Amino acid sequence: MIPNWRQPPTLFALLKRTRLAPAAAAGLLLAGPAFAHVMEFDVKGGELRPALDAYIAQSGVQLIYKVEDIKDLSTRGFKGKIAADAALDRLLEGTRLRVRRGQDGAMVLIAPSPARAPVRIE
C-alpha cells in the first residue's frame, strides 16, 4: 500500500476555506509603504540633518544615512501636502544625494563617489 502524503495547506487555501481570502486580499492592496500616501509636511530650511530628522518624524519613513555624507549640506525645506517620497526628493534638491528605495519601504541616502584622478604609471 502506498502512503498518502499530503502537503500542508497553503495560507491561501486556509483563507479560502475560512472565506477570509477577499478580506486578506483587500488588506494587502490597501497596505502600502508610508511613502506612497499624501501627508502634511512642515520641514524648515537650513542644515540638512535637523531637516531630515523632522522629515522622519513627520513621515514615519525609515531613512538611513551616514552623518558624514550630510555634513555641511543644507536644504530649502518644504511645507505642504505631498507624498513622502516626493517630499524627500524636494528636501534633497541641490545636495547631489540620491535615494535608494527598498521593497520594504526603507530608504537609504547615497552620496556620490568622490572623483578620482587618473593614475599615471611611469
PDB file of N, CA and C in Angstrom:
ATOM      1  N   MET A   1       0.837  -1.184   0.000  1.00  0.00           N
ATOM      2  CA  MET A   1       0.000   0.000   0.000  1.00  0.00           C
ATOM      3  C   MET A   1       0.883   1.249   0.000  1.00  0.00           C
ATOM      4  N   ILE A   2       0.555   2.215  -0.812  1.00  0.00           N
ATOM      5  CA  ILE A   2       1.322   3.452  -0.925  1.00  0.00           C
ATOM      6  C   ILE A   2       0.792   4.446   0.104  1.00  0.00           C
ATOM      7  N   PRO A   3       1.737   5.046   0.898  1.00  0.00           N
ATOM      8  CA  PRO A   3       1.261   6.013   1.892  1.00  0.00           C
ATOM      9  C   PRO A   3       0.670   7.253   1.210  1.00  0.00           C
ATOM     10  N   ASN A   4      -0.304   7.822   1.832  1.00  0.00           N
ATOM     11  CA  ASN A   4      -0.968   9.014   1.311  1.00  0.00           C
ATOM     12  C   ASN A   4      -0.311  10.241   1.925  1.00  0.00           C
ATOM     13  N   TRP A   5       0.662  10.826   1.208  1.00  0.00           N
ATOM     14  CA  TRP A   5       1.367  12.013   1.692  1.00  0.00           C
ATOM     15  C   TRP A   5       0.619  13.244   1.232  1.00  0.00           C
ATOM     16  N   ARG A   6       0.383  14.113   2.147  1.00  0.00           N
ATOM     17  CA  ARG A   6      -0.297  15.356   1.808  1.00  0.00           C
ATOM     18  C   ARG A   6       0.585  16.528   2.173  1.00  0.00           C
ATOM     19  N   GLN A   7       0.577  17.487   1.312  1.00  0.00           N
ATOM     20  CA  GLN A   7       1.272  18.732   1.606  1.00  0.00           C
ATOM     21  C   GLN A   7       0.417  19.527   2.583  1.00  0.00           C
ATOM     22  N   PRO A   8       1.053  20.241   3.505  1.00  0.00           N
ATOM     23  CA  PRO A   8       0.247  21.107   4.373  1.00  0.00           C
ATOM     24  C   PRO A   8      -0.424  22.185   3.527  1.00  0.00           C
ATOM     25  N   PRO A   9      -1.612  22.594   3.905  1.00  0.00           N
ATOM     26  CA  PRO A   9      -2.322  23.592   3.095  1.00  0.00           C
ATOM     27  C   PRO A   9      -1.585  24.931   3.092  1.00  0.00           C
ATOM     28  N   THR A  10      -1.678  25.602   1.969  1.00  0.00           N
ATOM     29  CA  THR A  10      -1.064  26.924   1.864  1.00  0.00           C
ATOM     30  C   THR A  10      -1.915  27.937   2.616  1.00  0.00           C
ATOM     31  N   LEU A  11      -1.338  29.089   2.863  1.00  0.00           N
ATOM     32  CA  LEU A  11      -2.075  30.147   3.547  1.00  0.00           C
ATOM     33  C   LEU A  11      -3.317  30.528   2.755  1.00  0.00           C
ATOM     34  N   PHE A  12      -3.178  30.612   1.426  1.00  0.00           N
ATOM     35  CA  PHE A  12      -4.333  30.968   0.599  1.00  0.00           C
ATOM     36  C   PHE A  12      -5.430  29.921   0.722  1.00  0.00           C
ATOM     37  N   ALA A  13      -5.046  28.636   0.732  1.00  0.00           N
ATOM     38  CA  ALA A  13      -6.044  27.574   0.862  1.00  0.00           C
ATOM     39  C   ALA A  13      -6.776  27.676   2.195  1.00  0.00           C
ATOM     40  N   LEU A  14      -6.039  27.974   3.258  1.00  0.00           N
ATOM     41  CA  LEU A  14      -6.683  28.135   4.567  1.00  0.00           C
ATOM     42  C   LEU A  14      -7.632  29.329   4.570  1.00  0.00           C
ATOM     43  N   LEU A  15      -7.186  30.430   3.983  1.00  0.00           N
ATOM     44  CA  LEU A  15      -8.041  31.612   3.923  1.00  0.00           C
ATOM     45  C   LEU A  15      -9.288  31.353   3.083  1.00  0.00           C
ATOM     46  N   LYS A  16      -9.110  30.610   1.998  1.00  0.00           N
ATOM     47  CA  LYS A  16     -10.238  30.301   1.122  1.00  0.00           C
ATOM     48  C   LYS A  16     -11.260  29.447   1.856  1.00  0.00           C
ATOM     49  N   ARG A  17     -10.745  28.456   2.603  1.00  0.00           N
ATOM     50  CA  ARG A  17     -11.648  27.588   3.365  1.00  0.00           C
ATOM     51  C   ARG A  17     -12.438  28.368   4.403  1.00  0.00           C
ATOM     52  N   THR A  18     -11.803  29.347   4.993  1.00  0.00           N
ATOM     53  CA  THR A  18     -12.475  30.121   6.036  1.00  0.00           C
ATOM     54  C   THR A  18     -13.137  31.374   5.468  1.00  0.00           C
ATOM     55  N   ARG A  19     -13.122  31.509   4.151  1.00  0.00           N
ATOM     56  CA  ARG A  19     -13.760  32.624   3.445  1.00  0.00           C
ATOM     57  C   ARG A  19     -13.183  33.987   3.832  1.00  0.00           C
ATOM     58  N   LEU A  20     -11.903  33.988   4.174  1.00  0.00           N
ATOM     59  CA  LEU A  20     -11.236  35.237   4.513  1.00  0.00           C
ATOM     60  C   LEU A  20     -10.353  35.750   3.379  1.00  0.00           C
ATOM     61  N   ALA A  21     -10.281  35.022   2.281  1.00  0.00           N
ATOM     62  CA  ALA A  21      -9.405  35.425   1.182  1.00  0.00           C
ATOM     63  C   ALA A  21      -9.727  36.828   0.663  1.00  0.00           C
ATOM     64  N   PRO A  22     -11.005  37.182   0.444  1.00  0.00           N
ATOM     65  CA  PRO A  22     -11.265  38.552  -0.043  1.00  0.00           C
ATOM     66  C   PRO A  22     -10.800  39.629   0.935  1.00  0.00           C
ATOM     67  N   ALA A  23     -11.005  39.398   2.218  1.00  0.00           N
ATOM     68  CA  ALA A  23     -10.572  40.385   3.212  1.00  0.00           C
ATOM     69  C   ALA A  23      -9.053  40.487   3.244  1.00  0.00           C
ATOM     70  N   ALA A  24      -8.367  39.342   3.150  1.00  0.00           N
ATOM     71  CA  ALA A  24      -6.902  39.353   3.156  1.00  0.00           C
ATOM     72  C   ALA A  24      -6.372  40.064   1.915  1.00  0.00           C
ATOM     73  N   ALA A  25      -6.978  39.809   0.761  1.00  0.00           N
ATOM     74  CA  ALA A  25      -6.539  40.457  -0.473  1.00  0.00           C
ATOM     75  C   ALA A  25      -6.757  41.963  -0.396  1.00  0.00           C
ATOM     76  N   ALA A  26      -7.890  42.381   0.143  1.00  0.00           N
ATOM     77  CA  ALA A  26      -8.154  43.817   0.282  1.00  0.00           C
ATOM     78  C   ALA A  26      -7.138  44.459   1.213  1.00  0.00           C
ATOM     79  N   GLY A  27      -6.785  43.770   2.280  1.00  0.00           N
ATOM     80  CA  GLY A  27      -5.787  44.296   3.211  1.00  0.00           C
ATOM     81  C   GLY A  27      -4.437  44.462   2.552  1.00  0.00           C
ATOM     82  N   LEU A  28      -4.060  43.516   1.705  1.00  0.00           N
ATOM     83  CA  LEU A  28      -2.781  43.615   1.006  1.00  0.00           C
ATOM     84  C   LEU A  28      -2.784  44.774   0.017  1.00  0.00           C
ATOM     85  N   LEU A  29      -3.912  44.999  -0.637  1.00  0.00           N
ATOM     86  CA  LEU A  29      -3.981  46.096  -1.595  1.00  0.00           C
ATOM     87  C   LEU A  29      -3.956  47.456  -0.909  1.00  0.00           C
ATOM     88  N   LEU A  30      -4.602  47.547   0.241  1.00  0.00           N
ATOM     89  CA  LEU A  30      -4.666  48.827   0.940  1.00  0.00           C
ATOM     90  C   LEU A  30      -3.402  49.135   1.711  1.00  0.00           C
ATOM     91  N   ALA A  31      -2.695  48.100   2.141  1.00  0.00           N
ATOM     92  CA  ALA A  31      -1.472  48.322   2.916  1.00  0.00           C
ATOM     93  C   ALA A  31      -0.361  48.666   1.947  1.00  0.00           C
ATOM     94  N   GLY A  32       0.160  49.856   2.056  1.00  0.00           N
ATOM     95  CA  GLY A  32       1.250  50.285   1.195  1.00  0.00           C
ATOM     96  C   GLY A  32       2.299  50.957   2.032  1.00  0.00           C
ATOM     97  N   PRO A  33       3.472  51.165   1.482  1.00  0.00           N
ATOM     98  CA  PRO A  33       4.509  51.851   2.233  1.00  0.00           C
ATOM     99  C   PRO A  33       4.060  53.255   2.609  1.00  0.00           C
ATOM    100  N   ALA A  34       4.595  53.744   3.712  1.00  0.00           N
ATOM    101  CA  ALA A  34       4.206  55.067   4.196  1.00  0.00           C
ATOM    102  C   ALA A  34       4.519  56.147   3.172  1.00  0.00           C
ATOM    103  N   PHE A  35       5.548  55.934   2.343  1.00  0.00           N
ATOM    104  CA  PHE A  35       5.932  56.987   1.412  1.00  0.00           C
ATOM    105  C   PHE A  35       4.979  57.115   0.232  1.00  0.00           C
ATOM    106  N   ALA A  36       3.995  56.215   0.093  1.00  0.00           N
ATOM    107  CA  ALA A  36       3.053  56.283  -1.015  1.00  0.00           C
ATOM    108  C   ALA A  36       1.847  57.165  -0.696  1.00  0.00           C
ATOM    109  N   HIS A  37       1.641  57.549   0.552  1.00  0.00           N
ATOM    110  CA  HIS A  37       0.473  58.315   0.965  1.00  0.00           C
ATOM    111  C   HIS A  37       0.789  59.802   1.041  1.00  0.00           C
ATOM    112  N   VAL A  38      -0.186  60.612   0.679  1.00  0.00           N
ATOM    113  CA  VAL A  38      -0.034  62.065   0.768  1.00  0.00           C
ATOM    114  C   VAL A  38      -0.142  62.480   2.229  1.00  0.00           C
ATOM    115  N   MET A  39       0.780  63.324   2.666  1.00  0.00           N
ATOM    116  CA  MET A  39       0.828  63.772   4.055  1.00  0.00           C
ATOM    117  C   MET A  39       1.100  65.266   4.101  1.00  0.00           C
ATOM    118  N   GLU A  40       0.896  65.833   5.264  1.00  0.00           N
ATOM    119  CA  GLU A  40       1.205  67.244   5.506  1.00  0.00           C
ATOM    120  C   GLU A  40       2.620  67.338   6.060  1.00  0.00           C
ATOM    121  N   PHE A  41       3.461  68.176   5.443  1.00  0.00           N
ATOM    122  CA  PHE A  41       4.839  68.362   5.894  1.00  0.00           C
ATOM    123  C   PHE A  41       5.097  69.818   6.226  1.00  0.00           C
ATOM    124  N   ASP A  42       5.932  70.031   7.215  1.00  0.00           N
ATOM    125  CA  ASP A  42       6.431  71.366   7.549  1.00  0.00           C
ATOM    126  C   ASP A  42       7.862  71.190   8.042  1.00  0.00           C
ATOM    127  N   VAL A  43       8.790  71.156   7.099  1.00  0.00           N
ATOM    128  CA  VAL A  43      10.207  70.943   7.404  1.00  0.00           C
ATOM    129  C   VAL A  43      10.940  72.243   7.100  1.00  0.00           C
ATOM    130  N   LYS A  44      11.570  72.794   8.106  1.00  0.00           N
ATOM    131  CA  LYS A  44      12.266  74.079   7.977  1.00  0.00           C
ATOM    132  C   LYS A  44      13.530  73.930   7.135  1.00  0.00           C
ATOM    133  N   GLY A  45      13.863  74.978   6.414  1.00  0.00           N
ATOM    134  CA  GLY A  45      15.098  75.011   5.653  1.00  0.00           C
ATOM    135  C   GLY A  45      16.285  75.244   6.572  1.00  0.00           C
ATOM    136  N   GLY A  46      17.467  75.006   6.052  1.00  0.00           N
ATOM    137  CA  GLY A  46      18.689  75.187   6.828  1.00  0.00           C
ATOM    138  C   GLY A  46      19.540  73.935   6.781  1.00  0.00           C
ATOM    139  N   GLU A  47      20.181  73.632   7.894  1.00  0.00           N
ATOM    140  CA  GLU A  47      21.058  72.466   7.969  1.00  0.00           C
ATOM    141  C   GLU A  47      20.258  71.195   7.654  1.00  0.00           C
ATOM    142  N   LEU A  48      20.851  70.299   6.859  1.00  0.00           N
ATOM    143  CA  LEU A  48      20.125  69.131   6.365  1.00  0.00           C
ATOM    144  C   LEU A  48      19.788  68.119   7.458  1.00  0.00           C
ATOM    145  N   ARG A  49      20.692  67.906   8.406  1.00  0.00           N
ATOM    146  CA  ARG A  49      20.440  66.859   9.405  1.00  0.00           C
ATOM    147  C   ARG A  49      19.163  67.110  10.217  1.00  0.00           C
ATOM    148  N   PRO A  50      18.956  68.296  10.806  1.00  0.00           N
ATOM    149  CA  PRO A  50      17.695  68.515  11.524  1.00  0.00           C
ATOM    150  C   PRO A  50      16.472  68.441  10.602  1.00  0.00           C
ATOM    151  N   ALA A  51      16.653  68.845   9.343  1.00  0.00           N
ATOM    152  CA  ALA A  51      15.548  68.762   8.388  1.00  0.00           C
ATOM    153  C   ALA A  51      15.181  67.304   8.123  1.00  0.00           C
ATOM    154  N   LEU A  52      16.186  66.440   7.982  1.00  0.00           N
ATOM    155  CA  LEU A  52      15.911  65.017   7.781  1.00  0.00           C
ATOM    156  C   LEU A  52      15.260  64.404   9.013  1.00  0.00           C
ATOM    157  N   ASP A  53      15.711  64.812  10.198  1.00  0.00           N
ATOM    158  CA  ASP A  53      15.092  64.311  11.431  1.00  0.00           C
ATOM    159  C   ASP A  53      13.620  64.714  11.495  1.00  0.00           C
ATOM    160  N   ALA A  54      13.311  65.954  11.112  1.00  0.00           N
ATOM    161  CA  ALA A  54      11.920  66.413  11.096  1.00  0.00           C
ATOM    162  C   ALA A  54      11.115  65.637  10.057  1.00  0.00           C
ATOM    163  N   TYR A  55      11.726  65.400   8.899  1.00  0.00           N
ATOM    164  CA  TYR A  55      11.061  64.625   7.843  1.00  0.00           C
ATOM    165  C   TYR A  55      10.722  63.219   8.336  1.00  0.00           C
ATOM    166  N   ILE A  56      11.675  62.563   8.994  1.00  0.00           N
ATOM    167  CA  ILE A  56      11.458  61.210   9.512  1.00  0.00           C
ATOM    168  C   ILE A  56      10.326  61.218  10.532  1.00  0.00           C
ATOM    169  N   ALA A  57      10.336  62.196  11.438  1.00  0.00           N
ATOM    170  CA  ALA A  57       9.296  62.276  12.470  1.00  0.00           C
ATOM    171  C   ALA A  57       7.915  62.503  11.859  1.00  0.00           C
ATOM    172  N   GLN A  58       7.840  63.314  10.817  1.00  0.00           N
ATOM    173  CA  GLN A  58       6.545  63.639  10.219  1.00  0.00           C
ATOM    174  C   GLN A  58       6.030  62.554   9.285  1.00  0.00           C
ATOM    175  N   SER A  59       6.936  61.829   8.635  1.00  0.00           N
ATOM    176  CA  SER A  59       6.519  60.834   7.639  1.00  0.00           C
ATOM    177  C   SER A  59       6.415  59.424   8.209  1.00  0.00           C
ATOM    178  N   GLY A  60       7.203  59.137   9.237  1.00  0.00           N
ATOM    179  CA  GLY A  60       7.243  57.772   9.754  1.00  0.00           C
ATOM    180  C   GLY A  60       8.054  56.837   8.878  1.00  0.00           C
ATOM    181  N   VAL A  61       8.732  57.376   7.891  1.00  0.00           N
ATOM    182  CA  VAL A  61       9.534  56.585   6.958  1.00  0.00           C
ATOM    183  C   VAL A  61      10.865  56.235   7.600  1.00  0.00           C
ATOM    184  N   GLN A  62      11.349  55.033   7.314  1.00  0.00           N
ATOM    185  CA  GLN A  62      12.677  54.638   7.789  1.00  0.00           C
ATOM    186  C   GLN A  62      13.697  55.164   6.781  1.00  0.00           C
ATOM    187  N   LEU A  63      14.565  56.060   7.253  1.00  0.00           N
ATOM    188  CA  LEU A  63      15.567  56.683   6.391  1.00  0.00           C
ATOM    189  C   LEU A  63      16.937  56.456   7.004  1.00  0.00           C
ATOM    190  N   ILE A  64      17.842  55.921   6.211  1.00  0.00           N
ATOM    191  CA  ILE A  64      19.183  55.585   6.689  1.00  0.00           C
ATOM    192  C   ILE A  64      20.182  56.458   5.941  1.00  0.00           C
ATOM    193  N   TYR A  65      21.116  57.049   6.695  1.00  0.00           N
ATOM    194  CA  TYR A  65      22.150  57.870   6.065  1.00  0.00           C
ATOM    195  C   TYR A  65      23.378  57.910   6.955  1.00  0.00           C
ATOM    196  N   LYS A  66      24.524  58.215   6.334  1.00  0.00           N
ATOM    197  CA  LYS A  66      25.764  58.409   7.084  1.00  0.00           C
ATOM    198  C   LYS A  66      25.865  59.886   7.439  1.00  0.00           C
ATOM    199  N   VAL A  67      26.172  60.163   8.691  1.00  0.00           N
ATOM    200  CA  VAL A  67      26.270  61.550   9.142  1.00  0.00           C
ATOM    201  C   VAL A  67      27.318  62.303   8.323  1.00  0.00           C
ATOM    202  N   GLU A  68      28.439  61.652   8.006  1.00  0.00           N
ATOM    203  CA  GLU A  68      29.486  62.349   7.247  1.00  0.00           C
ATOM    204  C   GLU A  68      29.034  62.680   5.822  1.00  0.00           C
ATOM    205  N   ASP A  69      28.049  61.946   5.282  1.00  0.00           N
ATOM    206  CA  ASP A  69      27.555  62.241   3.934  1.00  0.00           C
ATOM    207  C   ASP A  69      26.697  63.499   3.892  1.00  0.00           C
ATOM    208  N   ILE A  70      26.081  63.863   5.010  1.00  0.00           N
ATOM    209  CA  ILE A  70      25.200  65.034   5.003  1.00  0.00           C
ATOM    210  C   ILE A  70      25.815  66.237   5.708  1.00  0.00           C
ATOM    211  N   LYS A  71      27.029  66.047   6.221  1.00  0.00           N
ATOM    212  CA  LYS A  71      27.719  67.134   6.916  1.00  0.00           C
ATOM    213  C   LYS A  71      27.880  68.326   5.967  1.00  0.00           C
ATOM    214  N   ASP A  72      27.626  69.506   6.478  1.00  0.00           N
ATOM    215  CA  ASP A  72      27.773  70.764   5.730  1.00  0.00           C
ATOM    216  C   ASP A  72      26.785  70.922   4.573  1.00  0.00           C
ATOM    217  N   LEU A  73      25.741  70.099   4.520  1.00  0.00           N
ATOM    218  CA  LEU A  73      24.731  70.249   3.473  1.00  0.00           C
ATOM    219  C   LEU A  73      23.519  70.973   4.044  1.00  0.00           C
ATOM    220  N   SER A  74      22.822  71.687   3.178  1.00  0.00           N
ATOM    221  CA  SER A  74      21.630  72.409   3.626  1.00  0.00           C
ATOM    222  C   SER A  74      20.470  72.133   2.671  1.00  0.00           C
ATOM    223  N   THR A  75      19.286  72.538   3.101  1.00  0.00           N
ATOM    224  CA  THR A  75      18.075  72.344   2.317  1.00  0.00           C
ATOM    225  C   THR A  75      17.221  73.604   2.386  1.00  0.00           C
ATOM    226  N   ARG A  76      16.367  73.762   1.392  1.00  0.00           N
ATOM    227  CA  ARG A  76      15.426  74.888   1.412  1.00  0.00           C
ATOM    228  C   ARG A  76      14.208  74.570   2.265  1.00  0.00           C
ATOM    229  N   GLY A  77      14.055  73.291   2.642  1.00  0.00           N
ATOM    230  CA  GLY A  77      12.888  72.890   3.415  1.00  0.00           C
ATOM    231  C   GLY A  77      11.688  72.662   2.518  1.00  0.00           C
ATOM    232  N   PHE A  78      10.573  72.337   3.152  1.00  0.00           N
ATOM    233  CA  PHE A  78       9.359  72.082   2.389  1.00  0.00           C
ATOM    234  C   PHE A  78       8.157  72.155   3.315  1.00  0.00           C
ATOM    235  N   LYS A  79       7.085  72.770   2.811  1.00  0.00           N
ATOM    236  CA  LYS A  79       5.835  72.835   3.559  1.00  0.00           C
ATOM    237  C   LYS A  79       4.694  72.580   2.593  1.00  0.00           C
ATOM    238  N   GLY A  80       3.800  71.656   2.953  1.00  0.00           N
ATOM    239  CA  GLY A  80       2.645  71.373   2.115  1.00  0.00           C
ATOM    240  C   GLY A  80       2.261  69.914   2.157  1.00  0.00           C
ATOM    241  N   LYS A  81       1.224  69.581   1.365  1.00  0.00           N
ATOM    242  CA  LYS A  81       0.732  68.202   1.280  1.00  0.00           C
ATOM    243  C   LYS A  81       1.343  67.545   0.049  1.00  0.00           C
ATOM    244  N   ILE A  82       1.979  66.409   0.284  1.00  0.00           N
ATOM    245  CA  ILE A  82       2.659  65.703  -0.802  1.00  0.00           C
ATOM    246  C   ILE A  82       2.993  64.297  -0.309  1.00  0.00           C
ATOM    247  N   ALA A  83       3.270  63.389  -1.225  1.00  0.00           N
ATOM    248  CA  ALA A  83       3.717  62.048  -0.850  1.00  0.00           C
ATOM    249  C   ALA A  83       5.097  62.143  -0.212  1.00  0.00           C
ATOM    250  N   ALA A  84       5.363  61.261   0.731  1.00  0.00           N
ATOM    251  CA  ALA A  84       6.614  61.316   1.496  1.00  0.00           C
ATOM    252  C   ALA A  84       7.846  61.191   0.611  1.00  0.00           C
ATOM    253  N   ASP A  85       7.794  60.335  -0.411  1.00  0.00           N
ATOM    254  CA  ASP A  85       8.979  60.189  -1.266  1.00  0.00           C
ATOM    255  C   ASP A  85       9.232  61.458  -2.078  1.00  0.00           C
ATOM    256  N   ALA A  86       8.169  62.116  -2.519  1.00  0.00           N
ATOM    257  CA  ALA A  86       8.328  63.372  -3.258  1.00  0.00           C
ATOM    258  C   ALA A  86       8.839  64.482  -2.338  1.00  0.00           C
ATOM    259  N   ALA A  87       8.379  64.490  -1.084  1.00  0.00           N
ATOM    260  CA  ALA A  87       8.867  65.487  -0.117  1.00  0.00           C
ATOM    261  C   ALA A  87      10.358  65.306   0.123  1.00  0.00           C
ATOM    262  N   LEU A  88      10.806  64.063   0.237  1.00  0.00           N
ATOM    263  CA  LEU A  88      12.234  63.810   0.435  1.00  0.00           C
ATOM    264  C   LEU A  88      13.030  64.280  -0.775  1.00  0.00           C
ATOM    265  N   ASP A  89      12.529  64.013  -1.959  1.00  0.00           N
ATOM    266  CA  ASP A  89      13.216  64.486  -3.169  1.00  0.00           C
ATOM    267  C   ASP A  89      13.367  66.006  -3.151  1.00  0.00           C
ATOM    268  N   ARG A  90      12.342  66.717  -2.705  1.00  0.00           N
ATOM    269  CA  ARG A  90      12.423  68.185  -2.630  1.00  0.00           C
ATOM    270  C   ARG A  90      13.438  68.628  -1.584  1.00  0.00           C
ATOM    271  N   LEU A  91      13.469  67.936  -0.447  1.00  0.00           N
ATOM    272  CA  LEU A  91      14.434  68.301   0.594  1.00  0.00           C
ATOM    273  C   LEU A  91      15.867  68.115   0.120  1.00  0.00           C
ATOM    274  N   LEU A  92      16.078  67.142  -0.754  1.00  0.00           N
ATOM    275  CA  LEU A  92      17.435  66.817  -1.204  1.00  0.00           C
ATOM    276  C   LEU A  92      17.862  67.580  -2.454  1.00  0.00           C
ATOM    277  N   GLU A  93      16.986  68.408  -3.008  1.00  0.00           N
ATOM    278  CA  GLU A  93      17.340  69.169  -4.215  1.00  0.00           C
ATOM    279  C   GLU A  93      18.615  69.974  -3.988  1.00  0.00           C
ATOM    280  N   GLY A  94      19.549  69.853  -4.924  1.00  0.00           N
ATOM    281  CA  GLY A  94      20.798  70.598  -4.855  1.00  0.00           C
ATOM    282  C   GLY A  94      21.864  69.974  -3.971  1.00  0.00           C
ATOM    283  N   THR A  95      21.603  68.818  -3.377  1.00  0.00           N
ATOM    284  CA  THR A  95      22.589  68.202  -2.479  1.00  0.00           C
ATOM    285  C   THR A  95      23.440  67.145  -3.171  1.00  0.00           C
ATOM    286  N   ARG A  96      23.048  66.674  -4.321  1.00  0.00           N
ATOM    287  CA  ARG A  96      23.713  65.591  -5.052  1.00  0.00           C
ATOM    288  C   ARG A  96      23.555  64.242  -4.361  1.00  0.00           C
ATOM    289  N   LEU A  97      22.762  64.170  -3.299  1.00  0.00           N
ATOM    290  CA  LEU A  97      22.475  62.882  -2.666  1.00  0.00           C
ATOM    291  C   LEU A  97      21.397  62.176  -3.480  1.00  0.00           C
ATOM    292  N   ARG A  98      21.500  60.850  -3.535  1.00  0.00           N
ATOM    293  CA  ARG A  98      20.492  60.039  -4.217  1.00  0.00           C
ATOM    294  C   ARG A  98      19.767  59.200  -3.180  1.00  0.00           C
ATOM    295  N   VAL A  99      18.570  58.779  -3.508  1.00  0.00           N
ATOM    296  CA  VAL A  99      17.778  57.938  -2.613  1.00  0.00           C
ATOM    297  C   VAL A  99      17.637  56.567  -3.250  1.00  0.00           C
ATOM    298  N   ARG A 100      17.961  55.547  -2.484  1.00  0.00           N
ATOM    299  CA  ARG A 100      17.713  54.168  -2.914  1.00  0.00           C
ATOM    300  C   ARG A 100      16.567  53.655  -2.058  1.00  0.00           C
ATOM    301  N   ARG A 101      15.505  53.228  -2.717  1.00  0.00           N
ATOM    302  CA  ARG A 101      14.318  52.757  -2.015  1.00  0.00           C
ATOM    303  C   ARG A 101      14.266  51.237  -2.031  1.00  0.00           C
ATOM    304  N   GLY A 102      14.091  50.657  -0.849  1.00  0.00           N
ATOM    305  CA  GLY A 102      13.979  49.210  -0.734  1.00  0.00           C
ATOM    306  C   GLY A 102      12.537  48.760  -0.860  1.00  0.00           C
ATOM    307  N   GLN A 103      12.346  47.470  -1.124  1.00  0.00           N
ATOM    308  CA  GLN A 103      11.000  46.929  -1.247  1.00  0.00           C
ATOM    309  C   GLN A 103      10.251  46.971   0.074  1.00  0.00           C
ATOM    310  N   ASP A 104      10.980  47.027   1.173  1.00  0.00           N
ATOM    311  CA  ASP A 104      10.338  47.057   2.492  1.00  0.00           C
ATOM    312  C   ASP A 104       9.929  48.463   2.898  1.00  0.00           C
ATOM    313  N   GLY A 105      10.202  49.452   2.045  1.00  0.00           N
ATOM    314  CA  GLY A 105       9.827  50.824   2.353  1.00  0.00           C
ATOM    315  C   GLY A 105      10.956  51.661   2.916  1.00  0.00           C
ATOM    316  N   ALA A 106      12.032  51.022   3.337  1.00  0.00           N
ATOM    317  CA  ALA A 106      13.165  51.781   3.879  1.00  0.00           C
ATOM    318  C   ALA A 106      13.874  52.518   2.744  1.00  0.00           C
ATOM    319  N   MET A 107      14.443  53.661   3.087  1.00  0.00           N
ATOM    320  CA  MET A 107      15.180  54.445   2.106  1.00  0.00           C
ATOM    321  C   MET A 107      16.579  54.724   2.633  1.00  0.00           C
ATOM    322  N   VAL A 108      17.548  54.712   1.724  1.00  0.00           N
ATOM    323  CA  VAL A 108      18.948  54.955   2.075  1.00  0.00           C
ATOM    324  C   VAL A 108      19.438  56.124   1.235  1.00  0.00           C
ATOM    325  N   LEU A 109      20.086  57.088   1.892  1.00  0.00           N
ATOM    326  CA  LEU A 109      20.695  58.198   1.160  1.00  0.00           C
ATOM    327  C   LEU A 109      22.085  57.779   0.718  1.00  0.00           C
ATOM    328  N   ILE A 110      22.380  58.000  -0.544  1.00  0.00           N
ATOM    329  CA  ILE A 110      23.659  57.620  -1.133  1.00  0.00           C
ATOM    330  C   ILE A 110      24.371  58.882  -1.602  1.00  0.00           C
ATOM    331  N   ALA A 111      25.593  59.080  -1.117  1.00  0.00           N
ATOM    332  CA  ALA A 111      26.407  60.214  -1.551  1.00  0.00           C
ATOM    333  C   ALA A 111      27.164  59.819  -2.813  1.00  0.00           C
ATOM    334  N   PRO A 112      27.408  60.781  -3.712  1.00  0.00           N
ATOM    335  CA  PRO A 112      28.178  60.454  -4.912  1.00  0.00           C
ATOM    336  C   PRO A 112      29.605  60.077  -4.538  1.00  0.00           C
ATOM    337  N   SER A 113      30.176  59.188  -5.319  1.00  0.00           N
ATOM    338  CA  SER A 113      31.569  58.800  -5.089  1.00  0.00           C
ATOM    339  C   SER A 113      32.468  59.974  -5.430  1.00  0.00           C
ATOM    340  N   PRO A 114      33.517  60.190  -4.632  1.00  0.00           N
ATOM    341  CA  PRO A 114      34.433  61.288  -4.961  1.00  0.00           C
ATOM    342  C   PRO A 114      35.150  60.991  -6.273  1.00  0.00           C
ATOM    343  N   ALA A 115      35.357  62.039  -7.053  1.00  0.00           N
ATOM    344  CA  ALA A 115      36.064  61.872  -8.325  1.00  0.00           C
ATOM    345  C   ALA A 115      37.509  61.498  -8.040  1.00  0.00           C
ATOM    346  N   ARG A 116      37.993  60.557  -8.790  1.00  0.00           N
ATOM    347  CA  ARG A 116      39.379  60.113  -8.610  1.00  0.00           C
ATOM    348  C   ARG A 116      40.208  60.569  -9.800  1.00  0.00           C
ATOM    349  N   ALA A 117      41.395  61.015  -9.482  1.00  0.00           N
ATOM    350  CA  ALA A 117      42.316  61.429 -10.541  1.00  0.00           C
ATOM    351  C   ALA A 117      42.856  60.183 -11.236  1.00  0.00           C
ATOM    352  N   PRO A 118      43.121  60.284 -12.527  1.00  0.00           N
ATOM    353  CA  PRO A 118      43.687  59.131 -13.228  1.00  0.00           C
ATOM    354  C   PRO A 118      45.063  58.778 -12.663  1.00  0.00           C
ATOM    355  N   VAL A 119      45.356  57.517 -12.669  1.00  0.00           N
ATOM    356  CA  VAL A 119      46.647  57.033 -12.162  1.00  0.00           C
ATOM    357  C   VAL A 119      47.644  57.038 -13.309  1.00  0.00           C
ATOM    358  N   ARG A 120      48.806  57.655 -13.054  1.00  0.00           N
ATOM    359  CA  ARG A 120      49.870  57.667 -14.064  1.00  0.00           C
ATOM    360  C   ARG A 120      50.924  56.651 -13.675  1.00  0.00           C
ATOM    361  N   ILE A 121      51.248  55.810 -14.607  1.00  0.00           N
ATOM    362  CA  ILE A 121      52.304  54.821 -14.374  1.00  0.00           C
ATOM    363  C   ILE A 121      53.518  55.261 -15.173  1.00  0.00           C
ATOM    364  N   GLU A 122      54.647  55.404 -14.478  1.00  0.00           N
ATOM    365  CA  GLU A 122      55.862  55.854 -15.161  1.00  0.00           C
ATOM    366  C   GLU A 122      56.835  54.722 -15.304  1.00  0.00           C
TER     367      GLU A 122
END
